[in-house]
Amino acid sequence: MPLYEYKCGKCEKSFEILQRNNEKVVCPHCGGKSLEKLFSVFASSSSSESSAGGGSMPSSMPGSCGTSCCGMKGH
């Protein structure tokens, strides 16, 4: 089952839920049905370390927030 993230239009709270196919989702806080599906952010890590970067991605590499290519300016 995929994990989805929603924000309720009624109480403005965000929550995650494991959702099956076509399952109706309601806010667990207020029971609201006006929900906005949010863009989920995920993280990954590697067990190997780069000798030059100490295991972190340099800010000049595509996909890193240092280049603002992710759309999140200032991160």
PDB file of N, CA and C in Angstrom:
ATOM      1  N   MET A   1       0.850  -1.189   0.000  1.00  0.00           N
ATOM      2  CA  MET A   1       0.000   0.000   0.000  1.00  0.00           C
ATOM      3  C   MET A   1       0.887   1.241   0.000  1.00  0.00           C
ATOM      4  N   PRO A   2       0.581   2.175  -0.862  1.00  0.00           N
ATOM      5  CA  PRO A   2       1.370   3.407  -0.885  1.00  0.00           C
ATOM      6  C   PRO A   2       1.001   4.352   0.259  1.00  0.00           C
ATOM      7  N   LEU A   3       1.979   5.123   0.675  1.00  0.00           N
ATOM      8  CA  LEU A   3       1.801   6.119   1.721  1.00  0.00           C
ATOM      9  C   LEU A   3       1.585   7.469   1.051  1.00  0.00           C
ATOM     10  N   TYR A   4       0.461   8.119   1.361  1.00  0.00           N
ATOM     11  CA  TYR A   4       0.137   9.422   0.792  1.00  0.00           C
ATOM     12  C   TYR A   4       0.079  10.467   1.889  1.00  0.00           C
ATOM     13  N   GLU A   5       0.371  11.696   1.505  1.00  0.00           N
ATOM     14  CA  GLU A   5       0.335  12.820   2.432  1.00  0.00           C
ATOM     15  C   GLU A   5      -0.767  13.778   1.976  1.00  0.00           C
ATOM     16  N   TYR A   6      -1.606  14.207   2.913  1.00  0.00           N
ATOM     17  CA  TYR A   6      -2.734  15.089   2.609  1.00  0.00           C
ATOM     18  C   TYR A   6      -2.747  16.273   3.565  1.00  0.00           C
ATOM     19  N   LYS A   7      -3.432  17.344   3.127  1.00  0.00           N
ATOM     20  CA  LYS A   7      -3.720  18.492   3.995  1.00  0.00           C
ATOM     21  C   LYS A   7      -5.220  18.714   3.943  1.00  0.00           C
ATOM     22  N   CYS A   8      -5.836  18.839   5.110  1.00  0.00           N
ATOM     23  CA  CYS A   8      -7.277  19.017   5.217  1.00  0.00           C
ATOM     24  C   CYS A   8      -7.648  20.477   4.962  1.00  0.00           C
ATOM     25  N   GLY A   9      -8.649  20.688   4.133  1.00  0.00           N
ATOM     26  CA  GLY A   9      -9.125  22.035   3.846  1.00  0.00           C
ATOM     27  C   GLY A   9      -9.987  22.601   4.967  1.00  0.00           C
ATOM     28  N   LYS A  10     -10.478  21.738   5.843  1.00  0.00           N
ATOM     29  CA  LYS A  10     -11.350  22.176   6.930  1.00  0.00           C
ATOM     30  C   LYS A  10     -10.546  22.610   8.158  1.00  0.00           C
ATOM     31  N   CYS A  11      -9.631  21.753   8.635  1.00  0.00           N
ATOM     32  CA  CYS A  11      -8.874  22.077   9.854  1.00  0.00           C
ATOM     33  C   CYS A  11      -7.425  22.472   9.574  1.00  0.00           C
ATOM     34  N   GLU A  12      -7.001  22.400   8.281  1.00  0.00           N
ATOM     35  CA  GLU A  12      -5.663  22.807   7.843  1.00  0.00           C
ATOM     36  C   GLU A  12      -4.528  21.931   8.387  1.00  0.00           C
ATOM     37  N   LYS A  13      -4.836  20.753   8.930  1.00  0.00           N
ATOM     38  CA  LYS A  13      -3.793  19.863   9.442  1.00  0.00           C
ATOM     39  C   LYS A  13      -3.336  18.925   8.345  1.00  0.00           C
ATOM     40  N   SER A  14      -2.056  18.573   8.374  1.00  0.00           N
ATOM     41  CA  SER A  14      -1.479  17.627   7.424  1.00  0.00           C
ATOM     42  C   SER A  14      -1.359  16.267   8.087  1.00  0.00           C
ATOM     43  N   PHE A  15      -1.476  15.213   7.267  1.00  0.00           N
ATOM     44  CA  PHE A  15      -1.354  13.854   7.790  1.00  0.00           C
ATOM     45  C   PHE A  15      -0.939  12.909   6.690  1.00  0.00           C
ATOM     46  N   GLU A  16      -0.399  11.758   7.089  1.00  0.00           N
ATOM     47  CA  GLU A  16      -0.025  10.697   6.162  1.00  0.00           C
ATOM     48  C   GLU A  16      -0.956   9.525   6.386  1.00  0.00           C
ATOM     49  N   ILE A  17      -1.235   8.796   5.302  1.00  0.00           N
ATOM     50  CA  ILE A  17      -2.123   7.645   5.427  1.00  0.00           C
ATOM     51  C   ILE A  17      -1.726   6.583   4.399  1.00  0.00           C
ATOM     52  N   LEU A  18      -1.786   5.322   4.810  1.00  0.00           N
ATOM     53  CA  LEU A  18      -1.619   4.210   3.888  1.00  0.00           C
ATOM     54  C   LEU A  18      -2.954   4.018   3.197  1.00  0.00           C
ATOM     55  N   GLN A  19      -2.976   4.157   1.879  1.00  0.00           N
ATOM     56  CA  GLN A  19      -4.241   4.151   1.152  1.00  0.00           C
ATOM     57  C   GLN A  19      -4.287   3.010   0.145  1.00  0.00           C
ATOM     58  N   ARG A  20      -5.340   2.231   0.215  1.00  0.00           N
ATOM     59  CA  ARG A  20      -5.569   1.170  -0.766  1.00  0.00           C
ATOM     60  C   ARG A  20      -6.208   1.761  -2.013  1.00  0.00           C
ATOM     61  N   ASN A  21      -6.354   0.948  -3.041  1.00  0.00           N
ATOM     62  CA  ASN A  21      -6.966   1.392  -4.302  1.00  0.00           C
ATOM     63  C   ASN A  21      -8.354   1.984  -4.076  1.00  0.00           C
ATOM     64  N   ASN A  22      -8.558   3.199  -4.556  1.00  0.00           N
ATOM     65  CA  ASN A  22      -9.857   3.889  -4.520  1.00  0.00           C
ATOM     66  C   ASN A  22     -10.497   3.965  -3.142  1.00  0.00           C
ATOM     67  N   GLU A  23      -9.723   3.828  -2.093  1.00  0.00           N
ATOM     68  CA  GLU A  23     -10.249   3.940  -0.737  1.00  0.00           C
ATOM     69  C   GLU A  23     -10.548   5.407  -0.435  1.00  0.00           C
ATOM     70  N   LYS A  24     -11.703   5.695   0.131  1.00  0.00           N
ATOM     71  CA  LYS A  24     -12.085   7.061   0.498  1.00  0.00           C
ATOM     72  C   LYS A  24     -11.263   7.488   1.713  1.00  0.00           C
ATOM     73  N   VAL A  25     -10.712   8.692   1.642  1.00  0.00           N
ATOM     74  CA  VAL A  25      -9.874   9.208   2.718  1.00  0.00           C
ATOM     75  C   VAL A  25     -10.585  10.376   3.377  1.00  0.00           C
ATOM     76  N   VAL A  26     -10.592  10.382   4.706  1.00  0.00           N
ATOM     77  CA  VAL A  26     -11.119  11.501   5.483  1.00  0.00           C
ATOM     78  C   VAL A  26     -10.046  11.927   6.475  1.00  0.00           C
ATOM     79  N   CYS A  27     -10.099  13.159   6.894  1.00  0.00           N
ATOM     80  CA  CYS A  27      -9.143  13.686   7.862  1.00  0.00           C
ATOM     81  C   CYS A  27      -9.312  12.962   9.199  1.00  0.00           C
ATOM     82  N   PRO A  28      -8.231  12.412   9.746  1.00  0.00           N
ATOM     83  CA  PRO A  28      -8.328  11.723  11.028  1.00  0.00           C
ATOM     84  C   PRO A  28      -8.524  12.682  12.205  1.00  0.00           C
ATOM     85  N   HIS A  29      -8.309  13.978  11.989  1.00  0.00           N
ATOM     86  CA  HIS A  29      -8.446  14.971  13.056  1.00  0.00           C
ATOM     87  C   HIS A  29      -9.874  15.497  13.179  1.00  0.00           C
ATOM     88  N   CYS A  30     -10.516  15.786  12.021  1.00  0.00           N
ATOM     89  CA  CYS A  30     -11.842  16.416  12.076  1.00  0.00           C
ATOM     90  C   CYS A  30     -12.893  15.701  11.231  1.00  0.00           C
ATOM     91  N   GLY A  31     -12.473  14.688  10.448  1.00  0.00           N
ATOM     92  CA  GLY A  31     -13.421  13.985   9.592  1.00  0.00           C
ATOM     93  C   GLY A  31     -13.703  14.690   8.283  1.00  0.00           C
ATOM     94  N   GLY A  32     -12.962  15.766   7.997  1.00  0.00           N
ATOM     95  CA  GLY A  32     -13.167  16.533   6.769  1.00  0.00           C
ATOM     96  C   GLY A  32     -12.876  15.714   5.523  1.00  0.00           C
ATOM     97  N   LYS A  33     -13.579  16.039   4.437  1.00  0.00           N
ATOM     98  CA  LYS A  33     -13.417  15.322   3.180  1.00  0.00           C
ATOM     99  C   LYS A  33     -12.776  16.176   2.091  1.00  0.00           C
ATOM    100  N   SER A  34     -12.583  17.469   2.361  1.00  0.00           N
ATOM    101  CA  SER A  34     -11.947  18.370   1.408  1.00  0.00           C
ATOM    102  C   SER A  34     -10.435  18.301   1.640  1.00  0.00           C
ATOM    103  N   LEU A  35      -9.781  17.383   0.923  1.00  0.00           N
ATOM    104  CA  LEU A  35      -8.371  17.124   1.153  1.00  0.00           C
ATOM    105  C   LEU A  35      -7.539  17.475  -0.070  1.00  0.00           C
ATOM    106  N   GLU A  36      -6.346  17.967   0.185  1.00  0.00           N
ATOM    107  CA  GLU A  36      -5.387  18.275  -0.870  1.00  0.00           C
ATOM    108  C   GLU A  36      -4.240  17.289  -0.758  1.00  0.00           C
ATOM    109  N   LYS A  37      -3.962  16.552  -1.845  1.00  0.00           N
ATOM    110  CA  LYS A  37      -2.847  15.615  -1.832  1.00  0.00           C
ATOM    111  C   LYS A  37      -1.566  16.423  -1.981  1.00  0.00           C
ATOM    112  N   LEU A  38      -0.631  16.208  -1.060  1.00  0.00           N
ATOM    113  CA  LEU A  38       0.617  16.953  -1.048  1.00  0.00           C
ATOM    114  C   LEU A  38       1.707  16.189  -1.773  1.00  0.00           C
ATOM    115  N   PHE A  39       2.696  16.917  -2.232  1.00  0.00           N
ATOM    116  CA  PHE A  39       3.863  16.318  -2.848  1.00  0.00           C
ATOM    117  C   PHE A  39       4.734  15.762  -1.741  1.00  0.00           C
ATOM    118  N   SER A  40       4.903  14.468  -1.706  1.00  0.00           N
ATOM    119  CA  SER A  40       5.682  13.836  -0.647  1.00  0.00           C
ATOM    120  C   SER A  40       7.166  13.982  -0.916  1.00  0.00           C
ATOM    121  N   VAL A  41       7.907  14.245   0.133  1.00  0.00           N
ATOM    122  CA  VAL A  41       9.353  14.359   0.072  1.00  0.00           C
ATOM    123  C   VAL A  41       9.932  13.114   0.722  1.00  0.00           C
ATOM    124  N   PHE A  42      10.909  12.531   0.083  1.00  0.00           N
ATOM    125  CA  PHE A  42      11.520  11.352   0.666  1.00  0.00           C
ATOM    126  C   PHE A  42      13.007  11.584   0.821  1.00  0.00           C
ATOM    127  N   ALA A  43      13.617  10.777   1.644  1.00  0.00           N
ATOM    128  CA  ALA A  43      15.052  10.875   1.881  1.00  0.00           C
ATOM    129  C   ALA A  43      15.669   9.504   1.696  1.00  0.00           C
ATOM    130  N   SER A  44      16.899   9.501   1.293  1.00  0.00           N
ATOM    131  CA  SER A  44      17.627   8.246   1.187  1.00  0.00           C
ATOM    132  C   SER A  44      19.033   8.476   1.692  1.00  0.00           C
ATOM    133  N   SER A  45      19.683   7.404   2.041  1.00  0.00           N
ATOM    134  CA  SER A  45      21.056   7.515   2.492  1.00  0.00           C
ATOM    135  C   SER A  45      21.857   6.393   1.879  1.00  0.00           C
ATOM    136  N   SER A  46      23.138   6.576   1.872  1.00  0.00           N
ATOM    137  CA  SER A  46      24.035   5.586   1.312  1.00  0.00           C
ATOM    138  C   SER A  46      24.993   5.140   2.394  1.00  0.00           C
ATOM    139  N   SER A  47      25.357   3.885   2.373  1.00  0.00           N
ATOM    140  CA  SER A  47      26.287   3.386   3.373  1.00  0.00           C
ATOM    141  C   SER A  47      27.729   3.679   2.990  1.00  0.00           C
ATOM    142  N   SER A  48      27.988   4.023   1.714  1.00  0.00           N
ATOM    143  CA  SER A  48      29.354   4.338   1.298  1.00  0.00           C
ATOM    144  C   SER A  48      29.577   5.837   1.357  1.00  0.00           C
ATOM    145  N   GLU A  49      30.809   6.212   1.690  1.00  0.00           N
ATOM    146  CA  GLU A  49      31.149   7.629   1.764  1.00  0.00           C
ATOM    147  C   GLU A  49      32.062   7.990   0.615  1.00  0.00           C
ATOM    148  N   SER A  50      31.884   9.160   0.061  1.00  0.00           N
ATOM    149  CA  SER A  50      32.756   9.682  -0.973  1.00  0.00           C
ATOM    150  C   SER A  50      34.000  10.242  -0.311  1.00  0.00           C
ATOM    151  N   SER A  51      35.172   9.962  -0.851  1.00  0.00           N
ATOM    152  CA  SER A  51      36.399  10.455  -0.235  1.00  0.00           C
ATOM    153  C   SER A  51      36.527  11.968  -0.378  1.00  0.00           C
ATOM    154  N   ALA A  52      35.970  12.550  -1.440  1.00  0.00           N
ATOM    155  CA  ALA A  52      36.066  13.994  -1.644  1.00  0.00           C
ATOM    156  C   ALA A  52      35.001  14.754  -0.881  1.00  0.00           C
ATOM    157  N   GLY A  53      33.795  14.216  -0.819  1.00  0.00           N
ATOM    158  CA  GLY A  53      32.701  14.965  -0.227  1.00  0.00           C
ATOM    159  C   GLY A  53      32.278  14.477   1.135  1.00  0.00           C
ATOM    160  N   GLY A  54      32.908  13.470   1.665  1.00  0.00           N
ATOM    161  CA  GLY A  54      32.524  12.983   2.986  1.00  0.00           C
ATOM    162  C   GLY A  54      31.146  12.352   3.007  1.00  0.00           C
ATOM    163  N   GLY A  55      30.655  11.905   1.841  1.00  0.00           N
ATOM    164  CA  GLY A  55      29.359  11.245   1.789  1.00  0.00           C
ATOM    165  C   GLY A  55      28.206  12.152   1.456  1.00  0.00           C
ATOM    166  N   SER A  56      28.425  13.450   1.399  1.00  0.00           N
ATOM    167  CA  SER A  56      27.323  14.358   1.082  1.00  0.00           C
ATOM    168  C   SER A  56      27.419  14.786  -0.376  1.00  0.00           C
ATOM    169  N   MET A  57      26.284  15.195  -0.944  1.00  0.00           N
ATOM    170  CA  MET A  57      26.232  15.616  -2.329  1.00  0.00           C
ATOM    171  C   MET A  57      26.641  17.080  -2.426  1.00  0.00           C
ATOM    172  N   PRO A  58      27.618  17.400  -3.267  1.00  0.00           N
ATOM    173  CA  PRO A  58      28.003  18.812  -3.419  1.00  0.00           C
ATOM    174  C   PRO A  58      26.850  19.625  -3.963  1.00  0.00           C
ATOM    175  N   SER A  59      26.804  20.900  -3.588  1.00  0.00           N
ATOM    176  CA  SER A  59      25.680  21.743  -3.992  1.00  0.00           C
ATOM    177  C   SER A  59      25.665  22.031  -5.486  1.00  0.00           C
ATOM    178  N   SER A  60      26.738  21.732  -6.211  1.00  0.00           N
ATOM    179  CA  SER A  60      26.761  21.982  -7.643  1.00  0.00           C
ATOM    180  C   SER A  60      26.182  20.835  -8.451  1.00  0.00           C
ATOM    181  N   MET A  61      25.862  19.713  -7.825  1.00  0.00           N
ATOM    182  CA  MET A  61      25.316  18.575  -8.551  1.00  0.00           C
ATOM    183  C   MET A  61      23.834  18.774  -8.815  1.00  0.00           C
ATOM    184  N   PRO A  62      23.358  18.370 -10.010  1.00  0.00           N
ATOM    185  CA  PRO A  62      21.924  18.466 -10.310  1.00  0.00           C
ATOM    186  C   PRO A  62      21.101  17.685  -9.294  1.00  0.00           C
ATOM    187  N   GLY A  63      19.988  18.248  -8.893  1.00  0.00           N
ATOM    188  CA  GLY A  63      19.117  17.584  -7.937  1.00  0.00           C
ATOM    189  C   GLY A  63      19.350  18.021  -6.511  1.00  0.00           C
ATOM    190  N   SER A  64      20.426  18.736  -6.264  1.00  0.00           N
ATOM    191  CA  SER A  64      20.660  19.213  -4.909  1.00  0.00           C
ATOM    192  C   SER A  64      20.022  20.587  -4.756  1.00  0.00           C
ATOM    193  N   CYS A  65      19.649  20.935  -3.566  1.00  0.00           N
ATOM    194  CA  CYS A  65      18.956  22.198  -3.335  1.00  0.00           C
ATOM    195  C   CYS A  65      19.876  23.409  -3.477  1.00  0.00           C
ATOM    196  N   GLY A  66      21.167  23.198  -3.582  1.00  0.00           N
ATOM    197  CA  GLY A  66      22.091  24.309  -3.745  1.00  0.00           C
ATOM    198  C   GLY A  66      21.934  25.011  -5.080  1.00  0.00           C
ATOM    199  N   THR A  67      21.366  24.335  -6.072  1.00  0.00           N
ATOM    200  CA  THR A  67      21.214  24.942  -7.390  1.00  0.00           C
ATOM    201  C   THR A  67      19.809  25.470  -7.622  1.00  0.00           C
ATOM    202  N   SER A  68      18.922  25.344  -6.669  1.00  0.00           N
ATOM    203  CA  SER A  68      17.525  25.779  -6.746  1.00  0.00           C
ATOM    204  C   SER A  68      16.757  25.073  -7.849  1.00  0.00           C
ATOM    205  N   CYS A  69      17.261  23.955  -8.362  1.00  0.00           N
ATOM    206  CA  CYS A  69      16.561  23.255  -9.438  1.00  0.00           C
ATOM    207  C   CYS A  69      15.352  22.486  -8.903  1.00  0.00           C
ATOM    208  N   CYS A  70      15.247  22.318  -7.597  1.00  0.00           N
ATOM    209  CA  CYS A  70      14.126  21.601  -7.035  1.00  0.00           C
ATOM    210  C   CYS A  70      12.904  22.507  -6.870  1.00  0.00           C
ATOM    211  N   GLY A  71      13.075  23.797  -7.121  1.00  0.00           N
ATOM    212  CA  GLY A  71      11.965  24.728  -6.981  1.00  0.00           C
ATOM    213  C   GLY A  71      11.830  25.325  -5.596  1.00  0.00           C
ATOM    214  N   MET A  72      12.658  24.891  -4.674  1.00  0.00           N
ATOM    215  CA  MET A  72      12.608  25.400  -3.297  1.00  0.00           C
ATOM    216  C   MET A  72      13.776  26.357  -3.105  1.00  0.00           C
ATOM    217  N   LYS A  73      13.562  27.616  -3.397  1.00  0.00           N
ATOM    218  CA  LYS A  73      14.625  28.601  -3.310  1.00  0.00           C
ATOM    219  C   LYS A  73      15.039  28.814  -1.866  1.00  0.00           C
ATOM    220  N   GLY A  74      16.336  28.926  -1.657  1.00  0.00           N
ATOM    221  CA  GLY A  74      16.863  29.189  -0.333  1.00  0.00           C
ATOM    222  C   GLY A  74      17.085  27.933   0.497  1.00  0.00           C
ATOM    223  N   HIS A  75      16.917  26.759  -0.082  1.00  0.00           N
ATOM    224  CA  HIS A  75      17.139  25.523   0.674  1.00  0.00           C
ATOM    225  C   HIS A  75      18.385  24.847   0.169  1.00  0.00           C
TER     226      HIS A  75
END
